């Protein structure tokens, strides 16, 4: 597979995943004609599907397609490998095994892909078919990737017009939802009323209420750029004043304005005691230390004075 085509297939499957919820392993419905053609071209069917879809796959086949392989007008030696390959795939129940003759590929796959005729691929099948009628029917169903083989090359069809329209509508709805804000619950539509679907209690009221709340929300204030304040961790913390209790007020009543405060001596500072005339507390007398040189000088002076006193001739 060339790089350009491989890149297109990868983007196409990513679009299916975002719009319709496709994920690995992809469920691939394979018909009997696809198995015959890949065997005739000597192609690796399962490996080619994984390369085209860029992911792991879960190959499936219906009971009618297996019965078609049993009734092929070819020798048994050519038929057995095809039947073994079909039996290695997961069997998808189509509920047609009770019939005497298998249904055609179109009738069988149409009942499997869209059993309720709602034109929706609810089970997210990827269809690998060589029949043009089957692919034409699948183009009318929303979200069905189609694969076929042309000249020994496996091809992934681009999105059908109906699928593209649904995908673009979903993208527009997402864009509107992003502009309005948070999406609310889905409002009741006339199609739902005809189908008999009844909304939950208070669903319509919640939708209107959420829209009103979104409209009434105040606009967020834009931050103004300017000089920043000091670092709060480097600032000195303010001292908290202790609240006065009733007991403290009784023991130390507040003095009238203009009069000295009546506080006990234990709470008065040394400076306040000195100015007040009270005696300073007697502390332990500190010993003054003298330098050794000064002590020697005084000692010499005392010795000379003693010598003068002891010698009367002088």
Protein backbone atom coordinates (compact mmCIF):
# COMPACT_ATOMS: atom_id res chain seq x y z
CA UNK A 1 0.00 0.00 0.00
CA UNK A 2 1.33 3.38 -0.97
CA UNK A 3 1.98 5.96 1.71
CA UNK A 4 -0.48 8.54 0.40
CA UNK A 5 -3.38 6.08 0.24
CA UNK A 6 -2.46 4.67 3.66
CA UNK A 7 -2.55 8.17 5.16
CA UNK A 8 -5.99 8.80 3.63
CA UNK A 9 -7.34 5.54 5.07
CA UNK A 10 -6.00 6.36 8.53
CA UNK A 11 -7.63 9.80 8.51
CA UNK A 12 -10.87 8.29 7.24
CA UNK A 13 -11.03 5.78 10.08
CA UNK A 14 -10.23 8.53 12.58
CA UNK A 15 -13.21 10.46 11.22
CA UNK A 16 -15.44 7.41 11.64
CA UNK A 17 -14.17 7.04 15.19
CA UNK A 18 -14.86 10.67 16.16
CA UNK A 19 -18.25 10.91 14.43
CA UNK A 20 -19.74 7.44 14.95
CA UNK A 21 -17.69 5.90 17.78
CA UNK A 22 -15.74 3.25 15.85
CA UNK A 23 -12.96 1.68 17.91
CA UNK A 24 -10.60 -1.28 17.82
CA UNK A 25 -11.07 -4.14 17.26
CA UNK A 26 -13.21 -3.24 14.25
CA UNK A 27 -16.10 -5.64 13.55
CA UNK A 28 -15.77 -6.56 9.86
CA UNK A 29 -18.62 -8.40 8.12
CA UNK A 30 -17.20 -10.47 5.26
CA UNK A 31 -19.28 -12.12 2.53
CA UNK A 32 -18.56 -15.28 0.57
CA UNK A 33 -17.60 -13.48 -2.64
CA UNK A 34 -14.85 -11.52 -0.82
CA UNK A 35 -13.33 -14.78 0.43
CA UNK A 36 -13.38 -16.26 -3.10
CA UNK A 37 -11.78 -13.24 -4.76
CA UNK A 38 -8.98 -12.86 -2.20
CA UNK A 39 -8.24 -16.56 -2.53
CA UNK A 40 -8.11 -16.27 -6.34
CA UNK A 41 -5.70 -13.28 -6.10
CA UNK A 42 -3.71 -15.16 -3.39
CA UNK A 43 -4.13 -12.28 -0.94
CA UNK A 44 -3.92 -12.35 2.84
CA UNK A 45 -7.50 -11.36 3.63
CA UNK A 46 -7.21 -10.71 7.38
CA UNK A 47 -3.79 -9.03 7.14
CA UNK A 48 -4.99 -6.78 4.30
CA UNK A 49 -8.03 -5.71 6.32
CA UNK A 50 -5.83 -4.75 9.28
CA UNK A 51 -3.52 -2.73 7.02
CA UNK A 52 -6.43 -0.90 5.40
CA UNK A 53 -8.22 -0.12 8.68
CA UNK A 54 -4.98 0.65 10.58
CA UNK A 55 -5.98 -1.41 13.59
CA UNK A 56 -6.96 -4.77 14.92
CA UNK A 57 -10.07 -6.40 13.50
CA UNK A 58 -12.68 -8.94 14.54
CA UNK A 59 -13.66 -10.80 11.32
CA UNK A 60 -17.30 -11.96 11.21
CA UNK A 61 -19.33 -13.99 8.76
CA UNK A 62 -23.02 -14.89 8.65
CA UNK A 63 -24.45 -18.38 8.45
CA UNK A 64 -25.90 -17.65 5.01
CA UNK A 65 -22.44 -16.76 3.62
CA UNK A 66 -20.99 -20.03 4.90
CA UNK A 67 -23.82 -21.94 3.23
CA UNK A 68 -23.01 -20.09 -0.01
CA UNK A 69 -19.46 -21.47 0.18
CA UNK A 70 -20.76 -25.02 0.62
CA UNK A 71 -22.84 -24.69 -2.56
CA UNK A 72 -20.05 -23.36 -4.82
CA UNK A 73 -19.79 -25.15 -8.18
CA UNK A 74 -16.06 -25.88 -7.77
CA UNK A 75 -14.09 -29.00 -6.87
CA UNK A 76 -14.05 -29.98 -3.22
CA UNK A 77 -10.27 -29.46 -3.01
CA UNK A 78 -10.74 -25.78 -3.86
CA UNK A 79 -13.76 -25.42 -1.63
CA UNK A 80 -12.25 -26.78 1.60
CA UNK A 81 -9.68 -23.97 2.18
CA UNK A 82 -12.41 -21.37 1.74
CA UNK A 83 -14.67 -23.12 4.24
CA UNK A 84 -11.84 -23.48 6.75
CA UNK A 85 -11.05 -19.76 6.49
CA UNK A 86 -14.74 -18.90 6.97
CA UNK A 87 -15.02 -21.19 10.02
CA UNK A 88 -12.01 -19.48 11.62
CA UNK A 89 -14.03 -16.25 11.77
CA UNK A 90 -16.60 -15.32 14.38
CA UNK A 91 -20.09 -16.52 13.48
CA UNK A 92 -22.64 -13.68 13.30
CA UNK A 93 -26.16 -14.92 13.89
CA UNK A 94 -28.55 -13.86 11.18
CA UNK A 95 -31.41 -16.20 12.30
CA UNK A 96 -31.72 -17.60 8.76
CA UNK A 97 -30.35 -21.06 9.48
CA UNK A 98 -33.84 -22.57 9.75
CA UNK A 99 -34.57 -21.83 6.08
CA UNK A 100 -34.15 -24.52 3.45
CA UNK A 101 -32.21 -22.21 1.15
CA UNK A 102 -29.85 -19.43 2.33
CA UNK A 103 -30.89 -15.86 1.64
CA UNK A 104 -28.96 -13.69 -0.76
CA UNK A 105 -26.03 -11.68 0.52
CA UNK A 106 -28.00 -8.42 0.24
CA UNK A 107 -31.00 -9.69 2.22
CA UNK A 108 -28.87 -11.33 4.89
CA UNK A 109 -26.46 -8.41 5.48
CA UNK A 110 -29.26 -5.83 5.38
CA UNK A 111 -31.03 -7.65 8.23
CA UNK A 112 -27.80 -7.79 10.22
CA UNK A 113 -26.61 -4.21 9.68
CA UNK A 114 -29.97 -2.42 9.94
CA UNK A 115 -32.59 -4.79 11.40
CA UNK A 116 -35.01 -1.96 12.36
CA UNK A 117 -34.76 -0.17 8.98
CA UNK A 118 -33.66 3.05 10.70
CA UNK A 119 -30.76 3.70 8.28
CA UNK A 120 -28.31 3.62 11.21
CA UNK A 121 -25.31 1.34 11.76
CA UNK A 122 -25.95 0.82 15.47
CA UNK A 123 -23.43 -2.03 15.93
CA UNK A 124 -20.65 -0.19 14.03
CA UNK A 125 -19.96 -2.83 11.41
CA UNK A 126 -17.36 -2.48 8.67
CA UNK A 127 -18.61 -4.24 5.54
CA UNK A 128 -16.19 -6.06 3.21
CA UNK A 129 -18.19 -7.13 0.18
CA UNK A 130 -17.61 -7.63 -3.54
CA UNK A 131 -21.25 -7.25 -4.52
CA UNK A 132 -22.24 -3.83 -5.83
CA UNK A 133 -25.84 -4.17 -4.60
CA UNK A 134 -24.66 -4.66 -1.04
CA UNK A 135 -22.38 -1.62 -1.20
CA UNK A 136 -25.16 0.48 -2.72
CA UNK A 137 -27.47 -0.45 0.16
CA UNK A 138 -24.76 0.32 2.75
CA UNK A 139 -24.19 3.80 1.27
CA UNK A 140 -27.75 4.63 2.30
CA UNK A 141 -27.03 3.66 5.92
CA UNK A 142 -25.26 6.25 8.04
CA UNK A 143 -21.73 5.41 9.18
CA UNK A 144 -20.82 2.21 7.30
CA UNK A 145 -17.19 1.89 6.08
CA UNK A 146 -17.03 -0.16 2.87
CA UNK A 147 -14.13 -2.30 1.63
CA UNK A 148 -13.77 -4.16 -1.66
CA UNK A 149 -11.01 -5.64 -3.82
CA UNK A 150 -10.21 -4.25 -7.26
CA UNK A 151 -7.45 -5.82 -9.35
CA UNK A 152 -5.83 -7.46 -6.33
CA UNK A 153 -5.83 -4.13 -4.44
CA UNK A 154 -7.95 -3.70 -1.29
CA UNK A 155 -9.79 -0.38 -1.36
CA UNK A 156 -11.57 1.55 1.41
CA UNK A 157 -14.36 3.66 -0.06
CA UNK A 158 -14.62 7.34 0.93
CA UNK A 159 -17.58 8.42 3.04
CA UNK A 160 -20.96 8.37 1.35
CA UNK A 161 -22.86 11.64 0.94
CA UNK A 162 -25.38 10.72 3.63
CA UNK A 163 -22.62 9.85 6.08
CA UNK A 164 -20.77 13.11 5.32
CA UNK A 165 -23.95 15.11 5.97
CA UNK A 166 -24.45 13.48 9.36
CA UNK A 167 -20.80 14.03 10.29
CA UNK A 168 -20.92 17.74 9.36
CA UNK A 169 -24.17 18.19 11.29
CA UNK A 170 -22.58 16.67 14.41
CA UNK A 171 -19.57 18.94 14.07
CA UNK A 172 -21.81 22.03 13.78
CA UNK A 173 -23.74 20.94 16.86
CA UNK A 174 -20.52 20.53 18.82
CA UNK A 175 -19.41 24.00 17.72
CA UNK A 176 -22.70 25.56 18.84
CA UNK A 177 -22.52 23.72 22.16
CA UNK A 178 -19.01 25.07 22.72
CA UNK A 179 -20.23 28.63 22.10
CA UNK A 180 -23.22 28.31 24.41
CA UNK A 181 -21.31 26.68 27.23
CA UNK A 182 -22.05 23.51 29.13
CA UNK A 183 -24.47 21.29 27.15
CA UNK A 184 -27.74 20.46 28.83
CA UNK A 185 -30.08 17.54 28.33
CA UNK A 186 -31.62 16.97 24.92
CA UNK A 187 -34.95 18.68 24.38
CA UNK A 188 -37.96 16.70 23.32
CA UNK A 189 -38.44 16.61 19.57
CA UNK A 190 -41.59 15.85 17.55
CA UNK A 191 -39.94 12.70 16.14
CA UNK A 192 -39.55 11.36 19.67
CA UNK A 193 -43.19 12.07 20.44
CA UNK A 194 -44.28 10.11 17.37
CA UNK A 195 -41.98 7.23 18.36
CA UNK A 196 -43.59 7.16 21.82
CA UNK A 197 -40.49 8.20 23.77
CA UNK A 198 -41.39 10.08 26.94
CA UNK A 199 -38.73 12.37 28.48
CA UNK A 200 -37.80 11.95 32.08
CA UNK A 201 -39.53 14.04 34.75
CA UNK A 202 -38.38 17.64 34.65
CA UNK A 203 -36.03 17.17 31.68
CA UNK A 204 -37.40 20.12 29.69
CA UNK A 205 -37.38 22.30 32.78
CA UNK A 206 -33.73 21.46 33.45
CA UNK A 207 -32.75 22.46 29.94
CA UNK A 208 -34.34 25.88 30.25
CA UNK A 209 -32.98 26.33 33.77
CA UNK A 210 -29.43 25.52 32.74
CA UNK A 211 -29.60 28.00 29.85
CA UNK A 212 -30.79 30.72 32.23
CA UNK A 213 -28.00 29.97 34.67
CA UNK A 214 -25.44 30.22 31.87
CA UNK A 215 -26.87 33.59 30.81
CA UNK A 216 -26.95 34.96 34.37
CA UNK A 217 -23.37 34.03 35.20
CA UNK A 218 -21.30 37.16 35.80
CA UNK A 219 -18.33 37.75 33.55
CA UNK A 220 -15.02 36.85 35.13
CA UNK A 221 -12.85 39.82 36.13
CA UNK A 222 -9.73 40.21 34.08
CA UNK A 223 -6.53 40.30 36.08
CA UNK A 224 -4.77 43.66 35.96
CA UNK A 225 -1.01 43.65 35.64
CA UNK A 226 0.96 46.00 37.86
CA UNK A 227 3.51 46.20 40.67
CA UNK A 228 3.28 43.29 43.02
CA UNK A 229 3.22 43.62 46.82
CA UNK A 230 5.91 42.43 49.21
CA UNK A 231 6.44 38.79 49.91
CA UNK A 232 4.10 37.93 52.81
CA UNK A 233 6.59 35.39 54.14
CA UNK A 234 9.29 38.05 54.57
CA UNK A 235 7.04 40.50 56.46
CA UNK A 236 7.04 40.75 60.25
CA UNK A 237 3.91 39.34 61.77
CA UNK A 238 1.74 41.73 63.77
CA UNK A 239 1.52 40.98 67.49
CA UNK A 240 -1.90 39.96 68.62
CA UNK A 241 -3.20 41.71 71.76
CA UNK A 242 -4.40 39.34 74.44
CA UNK A 243 -8.06 39.90 75.27
CA UNK A 244 -8.68 41.17 78.80
CA UNK A 245 -10.69 38.86 80.97
CA UNK A 246 -13.06 39.77 83.79
CA UNK A 247 -10.71 38.20 86.36
CA UNK A 248 -7.81 40.43 85.27
CA UNK A 249 -10.07 43.51 85.43
CA UNK A 250 -11.01 42.67 89.02
CA UNK A 251 -7.42 42.07 90.16
CA UNK A 252 -5.99 45.12 88.32
CA UNK A 253 -8.73 47.67 87.79
CA UNK A 254 -8.03 50.24 85.12
CA UNK A 255 -7.03 53.66 86.46
CA UNK A 256 -8.85 56.81 85.59
CA UNK A 257 -7.46 59.03 82.81
CA UNK A 258 -4.69 61.37 84.04
CA UNK A 259 -3.80 59.18 87.05
CA UNK A 260 -0.85 56.80 87.23
CA UNK A 261 -1.65 53.23 86.56
CA UNK A 262 -2.07 51.00 89.58
CA UNK A 263 0.11 48.06 88.72
CA UNK A 264 1.96 45.74 91.07
CA UNK A 265 5.70 46.08 91.48
CA UNK A 266 6.31 42.81 89.70
CA UNK A 267 4.82 44.24 86.46
CA UNK A 268 6.79 47.56 86.62
CA UNK A 269 9.98 47.84 84.65
CA UNK A 270 13.35 48.82 86.14
CA UNK A 271 13.20 52.28 84.51
CA UNK A 272 9.71 52.89 85.92
CA UNK A 273 10.93 51.93 89.41
CA UNK A 274 13.91 54.30 89.18
CA UNK A 275 11.71 57.21 88.12
CA UNK A 276 9.10 56.31 90.70
CA UNK A 277 11.66 56.46 93.55
CA UNK A 278 11.32 52.88 94.56
CA UNK A 279 14.40 50.86 95.30
CA UNK A 280 16.03 48.89 92.58
CA UNK A 281 16.06 45.16 93.20
CA UNK A 282 19.29 44.01 94.81
CA UNK A 283 21.03 41.76 92.40
CA UNK A 284 24.23 39.76 92.76
CA UNK A 285 27.30 42.00 92.63
CA UNK A 286 29.41 41.34 89.59
CA UNK A 287 33.16 40.94 89.99
CA UNK A 288 35.24 43.31 87.95
CA UNK A 289 38.02 41.67 86.07
CA UNK A 290 41.36 43.43 85.73
CA UNK A 291 43.92 42.90 83.06
CA UNK A 292 47.11 41.12 84.14
CA UNK A 293 49.32 44.08 83.09
CA UNK A 294 47.35 46.48 85.25
CA UNK A 295 47.58 44.12 88.22
CA UNK A 296 51.41 43.89 87.85
CA UNK A 297 51.76 47.67 87.73
CA UNK A 298 49.74 48.08 90.92
CA UNK A 299 51.79 45.37 92.61
CA UNK A 300 55.08 47.12 91.69
CA UNK A 301 53.72 50.44 92.93
CA UNK A 302 52.78 48.94 96.31
CA UNK A 303 56.25 47.33 96.66
CA UNK A 304 58.06 50.63 95.98
CA UNK A 305 55.84 52.45 98.50
CA UNK A 306 56.60 49.81 101.14
CA UNK A 307 60.34 50.14 100.46
CA UNK A 308 60.23 53.91 100.90
CA UNK A 309 58.44 53.57 104.19
CA UNK A 310 60.88 50.95 105.49
CA UNK A 311 64.07 52.93 104.52
CA UNK A 312 64.34 56.09 106.82
CA UNK A 313 67.43 57.45 105.05
CA UNK A 314 65.34 58.32 102.15
